[in-house]
Amino acid sequence: MRSVLIFGCSLLISVFAFAFTNTNNNSEKKIKETASVNRVENIKALQLTGSVVDDKNKETLAGAAIIVDGKKYYSDLEGQFTITGVNPGKYEVKVELISYEPYITEIDLTKDQKLKVILLQK
């Protein structure tokens, strides 16, 4: 009977120690996760807008592919495009359209920016 009582007490102490250790680890993890989220929220996402036009007749070009940071966007029927949620930094912007020469430029986004792209026909 005495050995059963000692075994039960040691089991109870072990369970309590494990639960207390787990609680401390979880609160430390929550603090670290909160700090990470705060750092991410401080970065302001920027917006890149612009238009795509033909060099010769200055008409707007619909359906041009604008590639920024490996993602592809398209100009609308008026040749306009808007890319939201871009983090500050340097980017290569490539604009392509069938029967036009590709347009490549590098931009340094520190604030919202407007870009005018002029494409040359092949």
N, C-alpha and C. Protein backbone atom coordinates (compact mmCIF):
# COMPACT_ATOMS: atom_id res chain seq x y z
N MET A 1 0.83 -1.19 0.00
CA MET A 1 0.00 0.00 0.00
C MET A 1 0.87 1.26 0.00
N ARG A 2 1.92 1.24 0.74
CA ARG A 2 2.81 2.38 0.82
C ARG A 2 3.47 2.66 -0.53
N SER A 3 3.87 1.62 -1.25
CA SER A 3 4.52 1.81 -2.55
C SER A 3 3.53 2.37 -3.58
N VAL A 4 2.26 2.00 -3.49
CA VAL A 4 1.24 2.52 -4.38
C VAL A 4 1.04 4.02 -4.12
N LEU A 5 1.05 4.41 -2.83
CA LEU A 5 0.89 5.80 -2.45
C LEU A 5 2.08 6.63 -2.94
N ILE A 6 3.29 6.12 -2.81
CA ILE A 6 4.50 6.82 -3.27
C ILE A 6 4.46 6.95 -4.80
N PHE A 7 4.07 5.88 -5.47
CA PHE A 7 3.97 5.92 -6.94
C PHE A 7 2.93 6.95 -7.38
N GLY A 8 1.79 7.01 -6.74
CA GLY A 8 0.73 7.96 -7.08
C GLY A 8 1.18 9.40 -6.87
N CYS A 9 1.88 9.65 -5.75
CA CYS A 9 2.37 11.01 -5.48
C CYS A 9 3.41 11.43 -6.51
N SER A 10 4.33 10.53 -6.85
CA SER A 10 5.35 10.88 -7.83
C SER A 10 4.73 11.12 -9.21
N LEU A 11 3.71 10.36 -9.55
CA LEU A 11 3.01 10.56 -10.82
C LEU A 11 2.32 11.93 -10.84
N LEU A 12 1.68 12.27 -9.75
CA LEU A 12 0.99 13.55 -9.64
C LEU A 12 1.99 14.71 -9.74
N ILE A 13 3.12 14.61 -9.09
CA ILE A 13 4.16 15.65 -9.15
C ILE A 13 4.71 15.78 -10.56
N SER A 14 4.90 14.66 -11.24
CA SER A 14 5.41 14.69 -12.62
C SER A 14 4.44 15.38 -13.56
N VAL A 15 3.15 15.06 -13.43
CA VAL A 15 2.13 15.68 -14.27
C VAL A 15 2.08 17.18 -14.03
N PHE A 16 2.14 17.59 -12.76
CA PHE A 16 2.11 19.01 -12.41
C PHE A 16 3.34 19.74 -12.97
N ALA A 17 4.51 19.14 -12.85
CA ALA A 17 5.75 19.76 -13.35
C ALA A 17 5.69 19.89 -14.88
N PHE A 18 5.20 18.88 -15.57
CA PHE A 18 5.09 18.94 -17.03
C PHE A 18 4.12 20.03 -17.46
N ALA A 19 2.98 20.14 -16.78
CA ALA A 19 1.97 21.14 -17.13
C ALA A 19 2.52 22.54 -16.89
N PHE A 20 3.25 22.76 -15.81
CA PHE A 20 3.82 24.07 -15.50
C PHE A 20 4.88 24.46 -16.53
N THR A 21 5.72 23.51 -16.93
CA THR A 21 6.76 23.78 -17.93
C THR A 21 6.12 24.13 -19.27
N ASN A 22 5.08 23.42 -19.66
CA ASN A 22 4.39 23.67 -20.92
C ASN A 22 3.75 25.06 -20.93
N THR A 23 3.19 25.49 -19.80
CA THR A 23 2.57 26.81 -19.71
C THR A 23 3.61 27.90 -19.92
N ASN A 24 4.79 27.76 -19.34
CA ASN A 24 5.85 28.76 -19.51
C ASN A 24 6.30 28.82 -20.96
N ASN A 25 6.48 27.68 -21.60
CA ASN A 25 6.91 27.65 -23.01
C ASN A 25 5.88 28.30 -23.92
N ASN A 26 4.59 28.03 -23.67
CA ASN A 26 3.54 28.61 -24.50
C ASN A 26 3.49 30.12 -24.35
N SER A 27 3.67 30.64 -23.14
CA SER A 27 3.63 32.09 -22.97
C SER A 27 4.84 32.74 -23.63
N GLU A 28 6.01 32.09 -23.59
CA GLU A 28 7.19 32.62 -24.27
C GLU A 28 6.96 32.63 -25.79
N LYS A 29 6.35 31.56 -26.33
CA LYS A 29 6.06 31.50 -27.75
C LYS A 29 5.10 32.61 -28.16
N LYS A 30 4.06 32.86 -27.34
CA LYS A 30 3.09 33.90 -27.66
C LYS A 30 3.76 35.27 -27.68
N ILE A 31 4.68 35.52 -26.76
CA ILE A 31 5.38 36.80 -26.73
C ILE A 31 6.22 36.95 -27.99
N LYS A 32 6.94 35.90 -28.40
CA LYS A 32 7.75 35.97 -29.61
C LYS A 32 6.88 36.17 -30.84
N GLU A 33 5.74 35.47 -30.94
CA GLU A 33 4.85 35.61 -32.08
C GLU A 33 4.27 37.02 -32.15
N THR A 34 3.91 37.60 -31.01
CA THR A 34 3.38 38.95 -30.98
C THR A 34 4.42 39.94 -31.46
N ALA A 35 5.67 39.77 -31.04
CA ALA A 35 6.74 40.66 -31.47
C ALA A 35 6.93 40.58 -32.98
N SER A 36 6.85 39.37 -33.55
CA SER A 36 7.00 39.20 -34.99
C SER A 36 5.86 39.89 -35.74
N VAL A 37 4.66 39.75 -35.26
CA VAL A 37 3.51 40.37 -35.91
C VAL A 37 3.65 41.88 -35.87
N ASN A 38 4.09 42.44 -34.75
CA ASN A 38 4.25 43.89 -34.65
C ASN A 38 5.27 44.40 -35.66
N ARG A 39 6.37 43.68 -35.86
CA ARG A 39 7.37 44.10 -36.83
C ARG A 39 6.80 44.09 -38.24
N VAL A 40 6.00 43.09 -38.58
CA VAL A 40 5.42 42.99 -39.91
C VAL A 40 4.41 44.11 -40.13
N GLU A 41 3.62 44.45 -39.12
CA GLU A 41 2.61 45.49 -39.28
C GLU A 41 3.24 46.86 -39.50
N ASN A 42 4.47 47.09 -39.06
CA ASN A 42 5.12 48.38 -39.20
C ASN A 42 5.57 48.66 -40.63
N ILE A 43 5.67 47.63 -41.48
CA ILE A 43 6.07 47.83 -42.87
C ILE A 43 4.84 48.29 -43.64
N LYS A 44 4.94 49.45 -44.29
CA LYS A 44 3.82 50.00 -45.04
C LYS A 44 3.88 49.50 -46.47
N ALA A 45 2.87 48.81 -46.89
CA ALA A 45 2.80 48.35 -48.27
C ALA A 45 2.51 49.54 -49.18
N LEU A 46 3.15 49.55 -50.33
CA LEU A 46 3.04 50.66 -51.26
C LEU A 46 2.21 50.27 -52.48
N GLN A 47 1.96 51.26 -53.33
CA GLN A 47 1.16 51.04 -54.53
C GLN A 47 1.93 51.57 -55.73
N LEU A 48 1.97 50.76 -56.77
CA LEU A 48 2.58 51.14 -58.04
C LEU A 48 1.46 51.24 -59.07
N THR A 49 1.29 52.42 -59.64
CA THR A 49 0.26 52.62 -60.66
C THR A 49 0.94 53.12 -61.93
N GLY A 50 0.22 53.07 -63.02
CA GLY A 50 0.79 53.58 -64.25
C GLY A 50 -0.07 53.33 -65.45
N SER A 51 0.52 53.67 -66.61
CA SER A 51 -0.17 53.48 -67.87
C SER A 51 0.82 52.94 -68.90
N VAL A 52 0.28 52.26 -69.89
CA VAL A 52 1.08 51.70 -70.98
C VAL A 52 0.55 52.30 -72.27
N VAL A 53 1.46 52.94 -73.03
CA VAL A 53 1.05 53.60 -74.28
C VAL A 53 1.98 53.21 -75.43
N ASP A 54 1.46 53.34 -76.64
CA ASP A 54 2.23 53.10 -77.86
C ASP A 54 3.11 54.31 -78.14
N ASP A 55 4.37 54.06 -78.51
CA ASP A 55 5.32 55.14 -78.77
C ASP A 55 4.92 55.99 -79.97
N LYS A 56 4.43 55.36 -81.02
CA LYS A 56 4.18 56.07 -82.28
C LYS A 56 2.92 56.93 -82.23
N ASN A 57 1.79 56.32 -81.84
CA ASN A 57 0.52 57.06 -81.90
C ASN A 57 0.01 57.49 -80.53
N LYS A 58 0.73 57.17 -79.47
CA LYS A 58 0.40 57.56 -78.09
C LYS A 58 -0.94 57.02 -77.60
N GLU A 59 -1.43 55.97 -78.24
CA GLU A 59 -2.67 55.32 -77.79
C GLU A 59 -2.36 54.40 -76.61
N THR A 60 -3.31 54.27 -75.71
CA THR A 60 -3.13 53.37 -74.58
C THR A 60 -3.23 51.93 -75.05
N LEU A 61 -2.51 51.05 -74.35
CA LEU A 61 -2.46 49.64 -74.75
C LEU A 61 -3.07 48.76 -73.66
N ALA A 62 -4.15 48.09 -74.00
CA ALA A 62 -4.83 47.18 -73.08
C ALA A 62 -4.17 45.81 -73.14
N GLY A 63 -4.17 45.13 -72.00
CA GLY A 63 -3.70 43.74 -71.95
C GLY A 63 -2.20 43.57 -71.88
N ALA A 64 -1.46 44.63 -71.64
CA ALA A 64 -0.01 44.50 -71.49
C ALA A 64 0.30 43.81 -70.17
N ALA A 65 1.27 42.90 -70.18
CA ALA A 65 1.67 42.18 -68.97
C ALA A 65 2.73 42.99 -68.25
N ILE A 66 2.48 43.29 -66.97
CA ILE A 66 3.43 44.00 -66.13
C ILE A 66 3.93 43.00 -65.10
N ILE A 67 5.23 42.74 -65.10
CA ILE A 67 5.80 41.72 -64.21
C ILE A 67 6.65 42.43 -63.16
N VAL A 68 6.27 42.26 -61.89
CA VAL A 68 6.97 42.86 -60.76
C VAL A 68 7.20 41.77 -59.72
N ASP A 69 8.44 41.57 -59.35
CA ASP A 69 8.79 40.59 -58.31
C ASP A 69 8.26 39.19 -58.64
N GLY A 70 8.31 38.83 -59.91
CA GLY A 70 7.88 37.51 -60.34
C GLY A 70 6.38 37.33 -60.46
N LYS A 71 5.60 38.36 -60.18
CA LYS A 71 4.14 38.28 -60.29
C LYS A 71 3.69 39.07 -61.51
N LYS A 72 2.68 38.55 -62.19
CA LYS A 72 2.22 39.16 -63.43
C LYS A 72 0.88 39.86 -63.22
N TYR A 73 0.82 41.10 -63.70
CA TYR A 73 -0.39 41.91 -63.66
C TYR A 73 -0.67 42.38 -65.09
N TYR A 74 -1.88 42.88 -65.35
CA TYR A 74 -2.24 43.30 -66.70
C TYR A 74 -2.84 44.70 -66.69
N SER A 75 -2.58 45.43 -67.79
CA SER A 75 -3.20 46.74 -67.94
C SER A 75 -4.66 46.54 -68.35
N ASP A 76 -5.52 47.48 -67.92
CA ASP A 76 -6.95 47.37 -68.23
C ASP A 76 -7.25 47.92 -69.63
N LEU A 77 -8.52 48.07 -69.95
CA LEU A 77 -8.92 48.51 -71.29
C LEU A 77 -8.43 49.92 -71.63
N GLU A 78 -8.15 50.73 -70.61
CA GLU A 78 -7.62 52.08 -70.83
C GLU A 78 -6.10 52.13 -70.72
N GLY A 79 -5.46 50.96 -70.64
CA GLY A 79 -4.01 50.91 -70.54
C GLY A 79 -3.47 51.21 -69.15
N GLN A 80 -4.34 51.30 -68.16
CA GLN A 80 -3.94 51.62 -66.79
C GLN A 80 -3.70 50.34 -66.00
N PHE A 81 -2.82 50.42 -64.99
CA PHE A 81 -2.61 49.30 -64.08
C PHE A 81 -2.38 49.83 -62.67
N THR A 82 -2.75 49.03 -61.70
CA THR A 82 -2.54 49.34 -60.28
C THR A 82 -2.06 48.06 -59.60
N ILE A 83 -0.93 48.17 -58.94
CA ILE A 83 -0.37 47.04 -58.20
C ILE A 83 -0.29 47.48 -56.74
N THR A 84 -1.06 46.82 -55.88
CA THR A 84 -1.10 47.20 -54.47
C THR A 84 -0.35 46.17 -53.63
N GLY A 85 -0.02 46.57 -52.41
CA GLY A 85 0.61 45.65 -51.46
C GLY A 85 2.07 45.35 -51.76
N VAL A 86 2.77 46.28 -52.41
CA VAL A 86 4.18 46.07 -52.73
C VAL A 86 5.01 46.63 -51.58
N ASN A 87 5.94 45.84 -51.07
CA ASN A 87 6.81 46.29 -49.99
C ASN A 87 7.86 47.25 -50.53
N PRO A 88 8.33 48.17 -49.72
CA PRO A 88 9.39 49.07 -50.16
C PRO A 88 10.63 48.29 -50.59
N GLY A 89 11.34 48.81 -51.60
CA GLY A 89 12.56 48.15 -52.07
C GLY A 89 12.77 48.37 -53.55
N LYS A 90 13.85 47.76 -54.05
CA LYS A 90 14.17 47.86 -55.47
C LYS A 90 13.56 46.68 -56.22
N TYR A 91 12.97 46.99 -57.38
CA TYR A 91 12.32 45.97 -58.18
C TYR A 91 12.65 46.19 -59.66
N GLU A 92 12.72 45.08 -60.38
CA GLU A 92 12.80 45.14 -61.83
C GLU A 92 11.37 45.03 -62.35
N VAL A 93 10.99 45.98 -63.19
CA VAL A 93 9.65 45.98 -63.78
C VAL A 93 9.82 45.67 -65.26
N LYS A 94 9.09 44.66 -65.72
CA LYS A 94 9.14 44.27 -67.12
C LYS A 94 7.72 44.34 -67.67
N VAL A 95 7.59 45.00 -68.83
CA VAL A 95 6.28 45.12 -69.48
C VAL A 95 6.38 44.48 -70.86
N GLU A 96 5.43 43.59 -71.16
CA GLU A 96 5.43 42.86 -72.43
C GLU A 96 4.05 42.92 -73.07
N LEU A 97 4.06 42.98 -74.39
CA LEU A 97 2.83 42.90 -75.16
C LEU A 97 3.19 42.37 -76.54
N ILE A 98 2.34 41.52 -77.09
CA ILE A 98 2.60 40.93 -78.41
C ILE A 98 2.80 42.04 -79.43
N SER A 99 3.81 41.87 -80.27
CA SER A 99 4.22 42.77 -81.35
C SER A 99 4.89 44.06 -80.87
N TYR A 100 5.26 44.10 -79.58
CA TYR A 100 6.00 45.23 -79.04
C TYR A 100 7.30 44.75 -78.40
N GLU A 101 8.30 45.62 -78.39
CA GLU A 101 9.57 45.32 -77.72
C GLU A 101 9.32 45.32 -76.21
N PRO A 102 9.92 44.38 -75.48
CA PRO A 102 9.77 44.39 -74.02
C PRO A 102 10.40 45.66 -73.42
N TYR A 103 9.78 46.17 -72.39
CA TYR A 103 10.26 47.35 -71.68
C TYR A 103 10.72 46.88 -70.30
N ILE A 104 11.97 47.17 -69.94
CA ILE A 104 12.51 46.76 -68.65
C ILE A 104 13.12 47.98 -67.97
N THR A 105 12.76 48.17 -66.71
CA THR A 105 13.34 49.25 -65.91
C THR A 105 13.44 48.79 -64.47
N GLU A 106 14.27 49.49 -63.70
CA GLU A 106 14.40 49.20 -62.27
C GLU A 106 13.85 50.39 -61.51
N ILE A 107 13.03 50.10 -60.51
CA ILE A 107 12.47 51.17 -59.68
C ILE A 107 12.85 50.93 -58.23
N ASP A 108 12.95 52.01 -57.47
CA ASP A 108 13.21 51.95 -56.04
C ASP A 108 11.99 52.53 -55.34
N LEU A 109 11.15 51.64 -54.82
CA LEU A 109 9.91 52.09 -54.18
C LEU A 109 10.18 52.50 -52.74
N THR A 110 10.02 53.78 -52.47
CA THR A 110 10.09 54.28 -51.11
C THR A 110 8.76 54.94 -50.73
N LYS A 111 7.96 55.24 -51.75
CA LYS A 111 6.62 55.79 -51.58
C LYS A 111 5.79 55.34 -52.78
N ASP A 112 4.48 55.57 -52.73
CA ASP A 112 3.62 55.22 -53.87
C ASP A 112 4.18 55.89 -55.13
N GLN A 113 4.15 55.16 -56.24
CA GLN A 113 4.79 55.66 -57.45
C GLN A 113 3.91 55.46 -58.67
N LYS A 114 3.99 56.41 -59.61
CA LYS A 114 3.28 56.32 -60.88
C LYS A 114 4.32 56.14 -61.98
N LEU A 115 4.07 55.20 -62.88
CA LEU A 115 5.02 54.85 -63.93
C LEU A 115 4.33 54.96 -65.29
N LYS A 116 4.99 55.64 -66.23
CA LYS A 116 4.45 55.72 -67.59
C LYS A 116 5.37 54.87 -68.48
N VAL A 117 4.78 53.85 -69.10
CA VAL A 117 5.53 52.91 -69.94
C VAL A 117 5.18 53.20 -71.39
N ILE A 118 6.23 53.41 -72.19
CA ILE A 118 6.05 53.65 -73.62
C ILE A 118 6.66 52.46 -74.36
N LEU A 119 5.82 51.73 -75.10
CA LEU A 119 6.28 50.56 -75.83
C LEU A 119 6.52 50.87 -77.30
N LEU A 120 7.59 50.28 -77.84
CA LEU A 120 7.93 50.41 -79.25
C LEU A 120 7.46 49.18 -80.01
N GLN A 121 6.83 49.39 -81.17
CA GLN A 121 6.41 48.25 -81.98
C GLN A 121 7.62 47.61 -82.62
N LYS A 122 7.55 46.28 -82.78
CA LYS A 122 8.66 45.53 -83.43
C LYS A 122 8.69 45.79 -84.90
